[in-house]
Amino acid sequence: MKTKKLKLKRWASTIIYLSIIAIVFISMVFISNQLEQKYGDRVNLSYIFKELINDDVPVINYSNNEIIKPFDKENVNIDINYYDKDTDSSSQEKSLILYENTYMPNTGILYSSEEEFNVLATLDGKITKISKDDLLGNVIEITHSSNLVTTYYSVDNIIVTEGQTIAAGEVIATSGKNNISSTSDNMMLFEVSLNGTNINPENYYKTSLEDLNK
């Protein structure tokens, strides 16, 4: 005996199909309204596809048009300068760090002072990393744009948190100890990375914002 296959009538299939479309549409409208109430104008494609966007990179809209130095005292001196491969051999020798009988080129500037000094953000940005290094002590990383990152080593009394937006000139920590160089208890190693390459901080202070954004 053959069994008959049950088939929905054409009108019933159409009603089910339209019902599914209506349910999907109503759900989308409801979700959209809920997002708009919570986030306002932020509801857009960039929010929907937020996984494709790096929220750690702040928008380049600097409130301060001048890059400042990362300290607030005049008696802060350069202990070990930035190692520049294009300078003379005498300057290069003074820019080497000696640790456990090994010389290493200094990729930033190591500052020191006889007294404690405040460590400042040199430009508007976002605190993207706070960590601790066995040799260099506490580390703070600030991302200023997609191509500019500054890093502060050997700092103490950190008063900022990861994810915090920071303005140029704001205090982020104080000077601290450095296990590589023990010439002072108040030190800070400052590095600047532009387009993925470390540059001389002394040149960075003199750079215009237009050049940094290129």
Protein backbone atom coordinates (compact mmCIF):
# COMPACT_ATOMS: atom_id res chain seq x y z
CA MET A 1 0.00 0.00 0.00
CA LYS A 2 1.43 3.37 -1.02
CA THR A 3 1.50 6.21 1.49
CA LYS A 4 0.52 9.64 0.35
CA LYS A 5 2.94 12.45 1.04
CA LEU A 6 1.35 15.32 2.86
CA LYS A 7 1.83 18.60 1.08
CA LEU A 8 0.94 22.03 2.35
CA LYS A 9 -1.41 23.93 0.21
CA ARG A 10 0.15 26.82 -1.70
CA TRP A 11 -1.72 29.46 0.31
CA ALA A 12 -0.53 27.95 3.62
CA SER A 13 3.13 27.99 2.48
CA THR A 14 2.79 31.63 1.44
CA ILE A 15 1.36 32.63 4.82
CA ILE A 16 4.21 30.87 6.70
CA TYR A 17 6.83 32.52 4.45
CA LEU A 18 5.36 36.00 4.96
CA SER A 19 5.08 35.40 8.69
CA ILE A 20 8.80 34.59 8.93
CA ILE A 21 9.70 37.76 7.03
CA ALA A 22 7.45 39.82 9.33
CA ILE A 23 9.01 38.32 12.45
CA VAL A 24 12.55 39.05 11.20
CA PHE A 25 11.63 42.62 10.26
CA ILE A 26 9.96 43.34 13.61
CA SER A 27 12.97 41.87 15.45
CA MET A 28 15.36 44.11 13.51
CA VAL A 29 13.28 47.20 14.26
CA PHE A 30 13.10 46.31 17.95
CA ILE A 31 16.84 45.73 18.22
CA SER A 32 17.56 48.95 16.31
CA ASN A 33 15.32 50.95 18.67
CA GLN A 34 16.97 49.42 21.73
CA LEU A 35 20.45 50.23 20.41
CA GLU A 36 19.43 53.77 19.53
CA GLN A 37 18.05 54.35 23.04
CA LYS A 38 21.28 53.07 24.57
CA TYR A 39 23.90 54.42 22.19
CA GLY A 40 22.17 57.24 20.31
CA ASP A 41 24.05 58.35 17.21
CA ARG A 42 26.72 55.71 17.76
CA VAL A 43 24.45 53.09 16.17
CA ASN A 44 25.95 52.60 12.74
CA LEU A 45 27.87 50.04 10.71
CA SER A 46 31.03 50.66 12.71
CA TYR A 47 29.18 49.57 15.84
CA ILE A 48 27.66 46.49 14.19
CA PHE A 49 31.03 45.44 12.84
CA LYS A 50 32.94 46.52 15.94
CA GLU A 51 35.10 43.39 15.83
CA LEU A 52 36.69 44.76 12.66
CA ILE A 53 37.67 48.03 14.34
CA ASN A 54 40.54 48.51 16.77
CA ASP A 55 39.06 50.50 19.64
CA ASP A 56 42.53 50.96 21.14
CA VAL A 57 43.45 53.54 18.49
CA PRO A 58 42.05 56.94 19.43
CA VAL A 59 40.73 59.36 16.85
CA ILE A 60 43.34 61.95 15.89
CA ASN A 61 41.75 65.10 17.26
CA TYR A 62 44.41 66.61 19.47
CA SER A 63 43.32 69.34 21.86
CA ASN A 64 46.92 70.46 22.29
CA ASN A 65 48.86 71.39 19.16
CA GLU A 66 52.22 71.13 20.89
CA ILE A 67 54.16 68.02 21.90
CA ILE A 68 55.55 68.42 25.39
CA LYS A 69 58.37 66.62 27.19
CA PRO A 70 57.44 63.73 29.50
CA PHE A 71 58.42 65.44 32.76
CA ASP A 72 57.62 68.59 34.72
CA LYS A 73 60.95 69.57 36.28
CA GLU A 74 63.81 71.57 34.80
CA ASN A 75 66.46 69.60 36.67
CA VAL A 76 65.73 66.36 34.79
CA ASN A 77 68.83 65.32 32.85
CA ILE A 78 69.64 62.82 30.13
CA ASP A 79 71.43 59.87 31.71
CA ILE A 80 71.77 57.81 28.52
CA ASN A 81 70.83 59.25 25.15
CA TYR A 82 69.10 57.63 22.19
CA TYR A 83 71.39 55.45 20.08
CA ASP A 84 71.59 56.85 16.57
CA LYS A 85 73.44 54.71 14.02
CA ASP A 86 74.10 57.81 11.89
CA THR A 87 75.98 59.79 14.56
CA ASP A 88 79.69 59.72 15.35
CA SER A 89 81.26 56.85 17.27
CA SER A 90 81.78 58.95 20.42
CA SER A 91 78.05 59.77 20.65
CA GLN A 92 77.17 56.15 19.96
CA GLU A 93 79.37 54.94 22.81
CA LYS A 94 77.55 57.26 25.21
CA SER A 95 74.23 55.84 24.03
CA LEU A 96 74.98 52.23 24.93
CA ILE A 97 73.51 50.51 27.96
CA LEU A 98 75.79 48.11 29.84
CA TYR A 99 74.02 45.26 31.56
CA GLU A 100 75.66 42.04 32.76
CA ASN A 101 78.78 42.69 30.65
CA THR A 102 76.69 43.23 27.53
CA TYR A 103 76.33 46.53 25.67
CA MET A 104 72.92 47.31 24.20
CA PRO A 105 71.91 50.33 22.08
CA ASN A 106 69.43 52.57 23.91
CA THR A 107 66.16 52.67 21.96
CA GLY A 108 64.89 55.70 23.86
CA ILE A 109 66.19 58.29 26.31
CA LEU A 110 66.91 57.44 29.93
CA TYR A 111 66.19 60.48 32.10
CA SER A 112 67.29 60.97 35.70
CA SER A 113 67.05 63.54 38.46
CA GLU A 114 68.22 64.06 42.03
CA GLU A 115 64.61 64.40 43.11
CA GLU A 116 61.33 62.77 42.19
CA PHE A 117 59.55 64.22 39.15
CA ASN A 118 56.12 63.76 37.62
CA VAL A 119 55.84 61.79 34.38
CA LEU A 120 53.55 63.43 31.82
CA ALA A 121 51.71 62.41 28.67
CA THR A 122 53.41 64.15 25.76
CA LEU A 123 50.29 64.19 23.58
CA ASP A 124 46.61 63.27 23.78
CA GLY A 125 46.03 59.53 23.59
CA LYS A 126 44.78 56.37 25.23
CA ILE A 127 46.45 54.17 27.85
CA THR A 128 46.69 50.88 25.98
CA LYS A 129 49.00 48.89 28.25
CA ILE A 130 50.27 48.86 31.83
CA SER A 131 52.72 46.12 32.76
CA LYS A 132 55.86 45.34 34.74
CA ASP A 133 59.28 44.41 33.37
CA ASP A 134 61.87 42.58 35.49
CA LEU A 135 64.65 44.96 34.41
CA LEU A 136 62.86 48.19 33.56
CA GLY A 137 60.15 48.19 36.22
CA ASN A 138 56.64 49.52 35.64
CA VAL A 139 55.71 50.23 32.04
CA ILE A 140 52.99 52.49 30.60
CA GLU A 141 52.10 52.52 26.90
CA ILE A 142 50.08 55.33 25.31
CA THR A 143 48.63 55.02 21.83
CA HIS A 144 48.20 58.43 20.21
CA SER A 145 47.19 57.33 16.71
CA SER A 146 47.49 54.35 14.42
CA ASN A 147 51.13 55.20 13.74
CA LEU A 148 52.33 56.78 17.01
CA VAL A 149 52.95 55.08 20.36
CA THR A 150 54.94 56.33 23.36
CA THR A 151 56.20 54.07 26.16
CA TYR A 152 57.35 55.00 29.68
CA TYR A 153 59.59 52.60 31.62
CA SER A 154 60.80 52.58 35.24
CA VAL A 155 57.94 54.70 36.54
CA ASP A 156 56.33 54.58 39.97
CA ASN A 157 53.04 55.64 41.60
CA ILE A 158 50.96 55.00 38.46
CA ILE A 159 47.66 56.92 38.60
CA VAL A 160 46.15 55.89 35.26
CA THR A 161 44.40 52.71 34.11
CA GLU A 162 44.26 50.76 30.87
CA GLY A 163 41.67 52.11 28.47
CA GLN A 164 41.76 55.59 29.99
CA THR A 165 41.84 58.58 27.65
CA ILE A 166 44.62 60.98 28.55
CA ALA A 167 45.40 64.57 27.55
CA ALA A 168 48.79 66.11 26.85
CA GLY A 169 50.44 67.34 30.03
CA GLU A 170 48.45 65.10 32.39
CA VAL A 171 50.41 63.31 35.11
CA ILE A 172 50.41 59.54 34.61
CA ALA A 173 53.04 58.49 37.19
CA THR A 174 56.25 59.55 38.92
CA SER A 175 59.89 58.69 38.30
CA GLY A 176 61.16 55.41 39.71
CA LYS A 177 64.07 52.97 39.91
CA ASN A 178 65.76 51.31 36.97
CA ASN A 179 67.63 48.01 37.38
CA ILE A 180 69.87 48.62 34.37
CA SER A 181 71.24 51.98 35.51
CA SER A 182 71.54 52.81 39.20
CA THR A 183 72.85 56.36 38.99
CA SER A 184 69.67 57.67 40.62
CA ASP A 185 66.49 56.52 42.36
CA ASN A 186 64.50 58.88 40.13
CA MET A 187 64.65 57.70 36.54
CA MET A 188 62.42 57.19 33.53
CA LEU A 189 63.15 55.60 30.15
CA PHE A 190 61.06 57.14 27.38
CA GLU A 191 60.56 55.58 23.95
CA VAL A 192 58.73 56.84 20.86
CA SER A 193 57.56 54.50 18.11
CA LEU A 194 56.51 56.12 14.82
CA ASN A 195 55.22 53.84 12.05
CA GLY A 196 56.57 50.85 13.98
CA THR A 197 60.11 52.24 14.30
CA ASN A 198 61.73 53.80 17.37
CA ILE A 199 62.84 57.39 16.82
CA ASN A 200 64.87 59.85 18.87
CA PRO A 201 62.52 61.45 21.43
CA GLU A 202 64.47 64.71 21.16
CA ASN A 203 63.42 64.91 17.50
CA TYR A 204 59.88 63.88 18.39
CA TYR A 205 59.43 66.92 20.66
CA LYS A 206 60.19 69.17 17.68
CA THR A 207 57.93 67.34 15.21
CA SER A 208 54.71 68.95 13.99
CA LEU A 209 51.40 67.11 14.30
CA GLU A 210 50.97 67.26 10.54
CA ASP A 211 54.19 65.29 10.06
CA LEU A 212 53.16 62.73 12.67
CA ASN A 213 49.86 62.06 10.90
CA LYS A 214 51.42 61.36 7.52
